[in-house]
Amino acid sequence: MPGIDPKAPEKLERFKVAMGHPCSILECVIRNKVDHCLRCDQFPCELHYQQGGPFSQKTLDISKGVLGKK
C-alpha cells in the first residue's frame, strides 16, 4: 500500500494490533509522504538494512551503487 494512500494510516494501525508493533517501513513512507520506498530520495536508507524489509542487503548495496550513493 502506498504511503500516500489515505488508508495507509488505518493499515498501519491494523498492523500494530495484529503484530503487536508498528511497521517501521510503512511509518516511514507515511511520514515522508512518498508512495513507495523506491521513490524516496533517501532510498536505500538504514531502515531497510536494520529492518530486513523486502530487499536483501545485496539488493540494497547494488541500489546504492546504481544511484551513486555511499
Protein backbone atom coordinates (compact mmCIF):
# COMPACT_ATOMS: atom_id res chain seq x y z
CA MET A 1 0.00 0.00 0.00
CA PRO A 2 1.45 3.35 -0.97
CA GLY A 3 2.42 5.69 1.82
CA ILE A 4 0.34 8.47 0.30
CA ASP A 5 -2.83 6.35 0.20
CA PRO A 6 -5.45 7.84 2.55
CA LYS A 7 -5.97 4.36 4.02
CA ALA A 8 -2.26 3.87 4.87
CA PRO A 9 -2.58 5.11 8.49
CA GLU A 10 -5.51 2.74 9.01
CA LYS A 11 -3.47 -0.17 7.66
CA LEU A 12 -0.60 0.83 9.96
CA GLU A 13 -2.95 0.68 12.96
CA ARG A 14 -4.24 -2.76 11.93
CA PHE A 15 -0.64 -3.95 11.60
CA LYS A 16 0.15 -2.68 15.11
CA VAL A 17 -2.83 -4.55 16.56
CA ALA A 18 -2.14 -7.77 14.65
CA MET A 19 1.64 -7.86 15.13
CA GLY A 20 1.98 -6.01 18.41
CA HIS A 21 4.36 -3.44 16.94
CA PRO A 22 4.31 -0.90 14.11
CA CYS A 23 5.71 -1.46 10.63
CA SER A 24 8.66 0.92 10.59
CA ILE A 25 8.84 1.00 6.81
CA LEU A 26 5.15 1.88 6.42
CA GLU A 27 5.52 4.54 9.12
CA CYS A 28 8.44 6.00 7.19
CA VAL A 29 6.67 6.23 3.81
CA ILE A 30 3.65 7.82 5.50
CA ARG A 31 5.88 10.31 7.37
CA ASN A 32 7.87 11.17 4.22
CA LYS A 33 4.74 11.31 2.03
CA VAL A 34 6.08 9.00 -0.66
CA ASP A 35 4.09 6.33 -2.40
CA HIS A 36 6.86 3.72 -2.17
CA CYS A 37 10.39 3.42 -0.80
CA LEU A 38 11.86 3.19 -4.29
CA ARG A 39 10.60 6.70 -4.97
CA CYS A 40 12.13 8.19 -1.85
CA ASP A 41 15.24 10.34 -2.22
CA GLN A 42 16.74 8.59 0.82
CA PHE A 43 16.39 5.04 -0.56
CA PRO A 44 18.13 2.83 0.30
CA CYS A 45 18.26 4.04 3.86
CA GLU A 46 19.46 2.46 7.08
CA LEU A 47 15.91 1.48 7.99
CA HIS A 48 15.97 -1.16 5.28
CA TYR A 49 19.32 -2.50 6.44
CA GLN A 50 18.14 -2.61 10.06
CA GLN A 51 14.65 -3.99 9.49
CA GLY A 52 15.46 -6.61 6.89
CA GLY A 53 12.48 -5.48 4.85
CA PRO A 54 11.57 -6.74 1.40
CA PHE A 55 15.04 -6.08 -0.02
CA SER A 56 18.13 -8.16 0.63
CA GLN A 57 21.33 -6.46 1.75
CA LYS A 58 22.86 -7.28 -1.62
CA THR A 59 19.97 -5.59 -3.44
CA LEU A 60 20.30 -2.53 -1.21
CA ASP A 61 24.05 -2.36 -1.86
CA ILE A 62 23.52 -2.68 -5.62
CA SER A 63 20.86 0.05 -5.47
CA LYS A 64 23.30 2.35 -3.69
CA GLY A 65 25.87 1.76 -6.42
CA VAL A 66 23.39 2.37 -9.22
CA LEU A 67 22.14 5.55 -7.54
CA GLY A 68 25.69 6.76 -6.83
CA LYS A 69 25.26 6.77 -3.07
CA LYS A 70 27.84 5.77 -0.47
